[in-house]
């Protein structure tokens, strides 16, 4: 058993490192509007032309400036804001869907908090500095999340303390 465990651990670690350094799309710059990614359940479905009522209810034109939309959208009187929402940061993925009622011209935006994934590789981490009020020791620590299983996270951790104590290992934690 021990003969296979260490090579298996090395292969898994190497696979994670290779996956971790694969290029991923950069997040949108703060304050910049970018097209939203289409939700996976509807991405493969075609869009069709839907008859609309004579008037579609939109926000007044100053809403575009209030939302700090790109200048091209603000200046174009043919572009209107139908809905706008802000989703608070959460450990759960969210699916935001806007519905349009062809009878009334009203739109409604729904925010669905999705369940946590059963298994997901993670690229998140943290670095920090803490102070122990009992001993006065200061600790520089780092954490690299590796795997998420629902609310449980398996992470690599390392810490250096001002009293010359060191720590490196694996942690499992539940996050809410």
C-alpha atoms as a PDB file:
ATOM      1  CA  UNK A   1       0.000   0.000   0.000  1.00  0.00           C
ATOM      2  CA  UNK A   2       2.760   2.445   0.952  1.00  0.00           C
ATOM      3  CA  UNK A   3       4.591   1.700  -2.312  1.00  0.00           C
ATOM      4  CA  UNK A   4       1.675   3.021  -4.371  1.00  0.00           C
ATOM      5  CA  UNK A   5       0.579   5.863  -2.074  1.00  0.00           C
ATOM      6  CA  UNK A   6       3.631   8.121  -2.496  1.00  0.00           C
ATOM      7  CA  UNK A   7       3.793   7.852  -6.339  1.00  0.00           C
ATOM      8  CA  UNK A   8       0.029   8.407  -6.521  1.00  0.00           C
ATOM      9  CA  UNK A   9       0.337  11.493  -4.309  1.00  0.00           C
ATOM     10  CA  UNK A  10       3.157  12.819  -6.523  1.00  0.00           C
ATOM     11  CA  UNK A  11       1.105  12.268  -9.698  1.00  0.00           C
ATOM     12  CA  UNK A  12      -1.942  13.990  -8.166  1.00  0.00           C
ATOM     13  CA  UNK A  13       0.175  16.932  -6.969  1.00  0.00           C
ATOM     14  CA  UNK A  14       1.842  17.264 -10.384  1.00  0.00           C
ATOM     15  CA  UNK A  15      -1.559  17.147 -12.113  1.00  0.00           C
ATOM     16  CA  UNK A  16      -2.900  19.874  -9.838  1.00  0.00           C
ATOM     17  CA  UNK A  17       0.159  22.074 -10.459  1.00  0.00           C
ATOM     18  CA  UNK A  18      -0.206  21.642 -14.244  1.00  0.00           C
ATOM     19  CA  UNK A  19      -3.931  22.468 -14.045  1.00  0.00           C
ATOM     20  CA  UNK A  20      -3.297  25.435 -11.746  1.00  0.00           C
ATOM     21  CA  UNK A  21      -0.933  27.124 -14.188  1.00  0.00           C
ATOM     22  CA  UNK A  22      -3.186  26.681 -17.235  1.00  0.00           C
ATOM     23  CA  UNK A  23      -4.201  30.100 -18.566  1.00  0.00           C
ATOM     24  CA  UNK A  24      -7.657  31.201 -17.439  1.00  0.00           C
ATOM     25  CA  UNK A  25      -9.636  34.241 -18.557  1.00  0.00           C
ATOM     26  CA  UNK A  26      -8.803  37.262 -16.439  1.00  0.00           C
ATOM     27  CA  UNK A  27     -11.664  38.684 -14.398  1.00  0.00           C
ATOM     28  CA  UNK A  28     -13.222  41.867 -15.719  1.00  0.00           C
ATOM     29  CA  UNK A  29     -11.545  45.012 -14.434  1.00  0.00           C
ATOM     30  CA  UNK A  30     -13.338  46.591 -11.483  1.00  0.00           C
ATOM     31  CA  UNK A  31     -16.003  49.053 -12.588  1.00  0.00           C
ATOM     32  CA  UNK A  32     -16.006  47.914 -16.241  1.00  0.00           C
ATOM     33  CA  UNK A  33     -19.094  46.515 -17.971  1.00  0.00           C
ATOM     34  CA  UNK A  34     -18.528  43.314 -19.942  1.00  0.00           C
ATOM     35  CA  UNK A  35     -21.034  40.944 -21.529  1.00  0.00           C
ATOM     36  CA  UNK A  36     -22.164  38.305 -19.046  1.00  0.00           C
ATOM     37  CA  UNK A  37     -21.393  34.666 -19.715  1.00  0.00           C
ATOM     38  CA  UNK A  38     -24.512  32.777 -20.799  1.00  0.00           C
ATOM     39  CA  UNK A  39     -25.773  30.306 -18.169  1.00  0.00           C
ATOM     40  CA  UNK A  40     -24.745  26.729 -19.107  1.00  0.00           C
ATOM     41  CA  UNK A  41     -28.312  25.297 -19.107  1.00  0.00           C
ATOM     42  CA  UNK A  42     -29.428  27.671 -21.891  1.00  0.00           C
ATOM     43  CA  UNK A  43     -26.127  28.153 -23.751  1.00  0.00           C
ATOM     44  CA  UNK A  44     -26.803  25.343 -26.274  1.00  0.00           C
ATOM     45  CA  UNK A  45     -30.374  26.481 -26.950  1.00  0.00           C
ATOM     46  CA  UNK A  46     -31.144  28.721 -29.952  1.00  0.00           C
ATOM     47  CA  UNK A  47     -32.649  32.185 -29.550  1.00  0.00           C
ATOM     48  CA  UNK A  48     -35.855  32.964 -31.452  1.00  0.00           C
ATOM     49  CA  UNK A  49     -37.599  36.169 -32.421  1.00  0.00           C
ATOM     50  CA  UNK A  50     -40.414  36.878 -29.950  1.00  0.00           C
ATOM     51  CA  UNK A  51     -43.167  39.384 -30.760  1.00  0.00           C
ATOM     52  CA  UNK A  52     -43.083  42.277 -28.357  1.00  0.00           C
ATOM     53  CA  UNK A  53     -45.908  44.546 -27.245  1.00  0.00           C
ATOM     54  CA  UNK A  54     -45.979  48.064 -28.600  1.00  0.00           C
ATOM     55  CA  UNK A  55     -44.191  49.360 -25.507  1.00  0.00           C
ATOM     56  CA  UNK A  56     -41.476  47.610 -23.533  1.00  0.00           C
ATOM     57  CA  UNK A  57     -41.060  49.048 -20.050  1.00  0.00           C
ATOM     58  CA  UNK A  58     -37.538  50.339 -19.486  1.00  0.00           C
ATOM     59  CA  UNK A  59     -35.809  52.621 -17.034  1.00  0.00           C
ATOM     60  CA  UNK A  60     -35.509  56.288 -17.968  1.00  0.00           C
ATOM     61  CA  UNK A  61     -32.425  57.283 -19.995  1.00  0.00           C
ATOM     62  CA  UNK A  62     -30.485  58.761 -17.002  1.00  0.00           C
ATOM     63  CA  UNK A  63     -30.324  55.202 -15.585  1.00  0.00           C
ATOM     64  CA  UNK A  64     -27.539  54.467 -18.094  1.00  0.00           C
ATOM     65  CA  UNK A  65     -25.393  57.218 -16.609  1.00  0.00           C
ATOM     66  CA  UNK A  66     -26.279  56.205 -13.045  1.00  0.00           C
ATOM     67  CA  UNK A  67     -25.109  52.650 -13.828  1.00  0.00           C
ATOM     68  CA  UNK A  68     -21.906  54.063 -15.385  1.00  0.00           C
ATOM     69  CA  UNK A  69     -22.464  52.186 -18.651  1.00  0.00           C
ATOM     70  CA  UNK A  70     -19.956  52.669 -21.488  1.00  0.00           C
ATOM     71  CA  UNK A  71     -20.166  56.043 -23.241  1.00  0.00           C
ATOM     72  CA  UNK A  72     -21.430  54.442 -26.475  1.00  0.00           C
ATOM     73  CA  UNK A  73     -24.475  53.038 -24.613  1.00  0.00           C
ATOM     74  CA  UNK A  74     -25.133  56.298 -22.732  1.00  0.00           C
ATOM     75  CA  UNK A  75     -25.060  58.389 -25.907  1.00  0.00           C
ATOM     76  CA  UNK A  76     -27.251  56.034 -27.993  1.00  0.00           C
ATOM     77  CA  UNK A  77     -30.948  56.897 -27.479  1.00  0.00           C
ATOM     78  CA  UNK A  78     -31.970  53.549 -29.028  1.00  0.00           C
ATOM     79  CA  UNK A  79     -30.339  51.605 -26.162  1.00  0.00           C
ATOM     80  CA  UNK A  80     -32.423  51.248 -22.982  1.00  0.00           C
ATOM     81  CA  UNK A  81     -31.935  49.655 -19.573  1.00  0.00           C
ATOM     82  CA  UNK A  82     -34.450  46.850 -19.066  1.00  0.00           C
ATOM     83  CA  UNK A  83     -33.140  45.477 -15.752  1.00  0.00           C
ATOM     84  CA  UNK A  84     -30.028  45.758 -13.609  1.00  0.00           C
ATOM     85  CA  UNK A  85     -29.056  43.745 -10.571  1.00  0.00           C
ATOM     86  CA  UNK A  86     -26.127  43.348  -8.205  1.00  0.00           C
ATOM     87  CA  UNK A  87     -25.278  39.909  -6.843  1.00  0.00           C
ATOM     88  CA  UNK A  88     -23.443  39.965  -3.530  1.00  0.00           C
ATOM     89  CA  UNK A  89     -20.234  37.971  -3.215  1.00  0.00           C
ATOM     90  CA  UNK A  90     -21.070  34.471  -2.040  1.00  0.00           C
ATOM     91  CA  UNK A  91     -19.430  31.046  -1.994  1.00  0.00           C
ATOM     92  CA  UNK A  92     -22.331  29.749  -4.088  1.00  0.00           C
ATOM     93  CA  UNK A  93     -22.577  30.299  -7.849  1.00  0.00           C
ATOM     94  CA  UNK A  94     -25.587  32.352  -8.939  1.00  0.00           C
ATOM     95  CA  UNK A  95     -27.670  32.263 -12.112  1.00  0.00           C
ATOM     96  CA  UNK A  96     -29.300  35.596 -12.979  1.00  0.00           C
ATOM     97  CA  UNK A  97     -32.204  35.353 -15.433  1.00  0.00           C
ATOM     98  CA  UNK A  98     -34.324  38.166 -16.859  1.00  0.00           C
ATOM     99  CA  UNK A  99     -37.897  37.310 -17.891  1.00  0.00           C
ATOM    100  CA  UNK A 100     -39.920  39.351 -20.384  1.00  0.00           C
ATOM    101  CA  UNK A 101     -43.743  39.348 -20.403  1.00  0.00           C
ATOM    102  CA  UNK A 102     -44.925  39.934 -23.985  1.00  0.00           C
ATOM    103  CA  UNK A 103     -48.434  40.865 -22.777  1.00  0.00           C
ATOM    104  CA  UNK A 104     -47.378  43.734 -20.529  1.00  0.00           C
ATOM    105  CA  UNK A 105     -43.863  44.691 -21.650  1.00  0.00           C
ATOM    106  CA  UNK A 106     -42.653  44.161 -18.063  1.00  0.00           C
ATOM    107  CA  UNK A 107     -39.374  42.459 -17.243  1.00  0.00           C
ATOM    108  CA  UNK A 108     -38.388  40.673 -14.057  1.00  0.00           C
ATOM    109  CA  UNK A 109     -34.871  39.621 -13.094  1.00  0.00           C
ATOM    110  CA  UNK A 110     -34.459  36.547 -10.901  1.00  0.00           C
ATOM    111  CA  UNK A 111     -31.326  35.565  -8.965  1.00  0.00           C
ATOM    112  CA  UNK A 112     -30.993  31.840  -8.250  1.00  0.00           C
ATOM    113  CA  UNK A 113     -28.421  30.789  -5.660  1.00  0.00           C
ATOM    114  CA  UNK A 114     -27.079  27.500  -7.041  1.00  0.00           C
ATOM    115  CA  UNK A 115     -26.018  24.601  -4.799  1.00  0.00           C
ATOM    116  CA  UNK A 116     -22.336  24.208  -4.002  1.00  0.00           C
ATOM    117  CA  UNK A 117     -20.551  21.787  -6.339  1.00  0.00           C
ATOM    118  CA  UNK A 118     -19.948  18.240  -5.130  1.00  0.00           C
ATOM    119  CA  UNK A 119     -16.348  18.435  -6.332  1.00  0.00           C
ATOM    120  CA  UNK A 120     -14.375  21.380  -7.724  1.00  0.00           C
ATOM    121  CA  UNK A 121     -10.692  22.166  -8.153  1.00  0.00           C
ATOM    122  CA  UNK A 122      -9.864  25.554  -6.654  1.00  0.00           C
ATOM    123  CA  UNK A 123      -7.328  28.272  -7.430  1.00  0.00           C
ATOM    124  CA  UNK A 124      -8.128  30.512  -4.473  1.00  0.00           C
ATOM    125  CA  UNK A 125      -5.900  31.196  -1.526  1.00  0.00           C
ATOM    126  CA  UNK A 126      -4.877  33.724   1.074  1.00  0.00           C
ATOM    127  CA  UNK A 127      -1.832  35.204   2.727  1.00  0.00           C
ATOM    128  CA  UNK A 128      -1.987  37.010   6.011  1.00  0.00           C
ATOM    129  CA  UNK A 129      -0.414  38.159   9.214  1.00  0.00           C
ATOM    130  CA  UNK A 130      -1.837  37.384  12.640  1.00  0.00           C
ATOM    131  CA  UNK A 131      -0.980  38.341  16.212  1.00  0.00           C
ATOM    132  CA  UNK A 132      -1.375  35.989  19.189  1.00  0.00           C
ATOM    133  CA  UNK A 133      -2.641  38.095  22.122  1.00  0.00           C
ATOM    134  CA  UNK A 134      -1.652  35.404  24.648  1.00  0.00           C
ATOM    135  CA  UNK A 135       1.993  34.813  23.659  1.00  0.00           C
ATOM    136  CA  UNK A 136       2.621  37.953  21.611  1.00  0.00           C
ATOM    137  CA  UNK A 137       3.816  35.864  18.676  1.00  0.00           C
ATOM    138  CA  UNK A 138       3.243  37.154  15.175  1.00  0.00           C
ATOM    139  CA  UNK A 139       2.507  34.666  12.399  1.00  0.00           C
ATOM    140  CA  UNK A 140       2.883  35.025   8.650  1.00  0.00           C
ATOM    141  CA  UNK A 141       0.710  32.405   6.986  1.00  0.00           C
ATOM    142  CA  UNK A 142      -0.411  31.302   3.553  1.00  0.00           C
ATOM    143  CA  UNK A 143      -3.181  29.036   2.318  1.00  0.00           C
ATOM    144  CA  UNK A 144      -3.747  27.549  -1.136  1.00  0.00           C
ATOM    145  CA  UNK A 145      -7.141  25.940  -1.696  1.00  0.00           C
ATOM    146  CA  UNK A 146      -6.913  22.726  -3.715  1.00  0.00           C
ATOM    147  CA  UNK A 147     -10.268  20.924  -3.712  1.00  0.00           C
ATOM    148  CA  UNK A 148     -13.803  21.899  -2.693  1.00  0.00           C
ATOM    149  CA  UNK A 149     -16.347  19.231  -1.747  1.00  0.00           C
ATOM    150  CA  UNK A 150     -19.605  21.083  -1.060  1.00  0.00           C
ATOM    151  CA  UNK A 151     -18.726  23.371   1.907  1.00  0.00           C
ATOM    152  CA  UNK A 152     -15.463  21.555   2.757  1.00  0.00           C
ATOM    153  CA  UNK A 153     -12.145  22.873   1.427  1.00  0.00           C
ATOM    154  CA  UNK A 154      -8.883  20.918   1.324  1.00  0.00           C
ATOM    155  CA  UNK A 155      -5.974  23.375   1.355  1.00  0.00           C
ATOM    156  CA  UNK A 156      -2.215  23.464   1.569  1.00  0.00           C
ATOM    157  CA  UNK A 157      -1.067  25.696   4.431  1.00  0.00           C
ATOM    158  CA  UNK A 158       2.226  27.105   5.696  1.00  0.00           C
ATOM    159  CA  UNK A 159       3.047  29.424   8.580  1.00  0.00           C
ATOM    160  CA  UNK A 160       6.105  31.133  10.077  1.00  0.00           C
ATOM    161  CA  UNK A 161       5.907  32.443  13.628  1.00  0.00           C
ATOM    162  CA  UNK A 162       8.030  35.144  15.232  1.00  0.00           C
ATOM    163  CA  UNK A 163       9.007  32.669  17.981  1.00  0.00           C
ATOM    164  CA  UNK A 164      10.838  30.618  15.291  1.00  0.00           C
ATOM    165  CA  UNK A 165       8.089  27.990  15.101  1.00  0.00           C
ATOM    166  CA  UNK A 166       7.181  26.769  11.586  1.00  0.00           C
ATOM    167  CA  UNK A 167       4.288  24.786  10.162  1.00  0.00           C
ATOM    168  CA  UNK A 168       3.466  23.304   6.759  1.00  0.00           C
ATOM    169  CA  UNK A 169       0.752  20.822   5.964  1.00  0.00           C
ATOM    170  CA  UNK A 170      -2.757  20.211   4.767  1.00  0.00           C
ATOM    171  CA  UNK A 171      -5.909  21.658   6.294  1.00  0.00           C
ATOM    172  CA  UNK A 172      -9.554  20.834   5.864  1.00  0.00           C
ATOM    173  CA  UNK A 173     -12.128  23.457   6.782  1.00  0.00           C
ATOM    174  CA  UNK A 174     -15.827  24.118   6.465  1.00  0.00           C
ATOM    175  CA  UNK A 175     -16.802  27.533   5.112  1.00  0.00           C
ATOM    176  CA  UNK A 176     -20.134  29.309   5.350  1.00  0.00           C
END
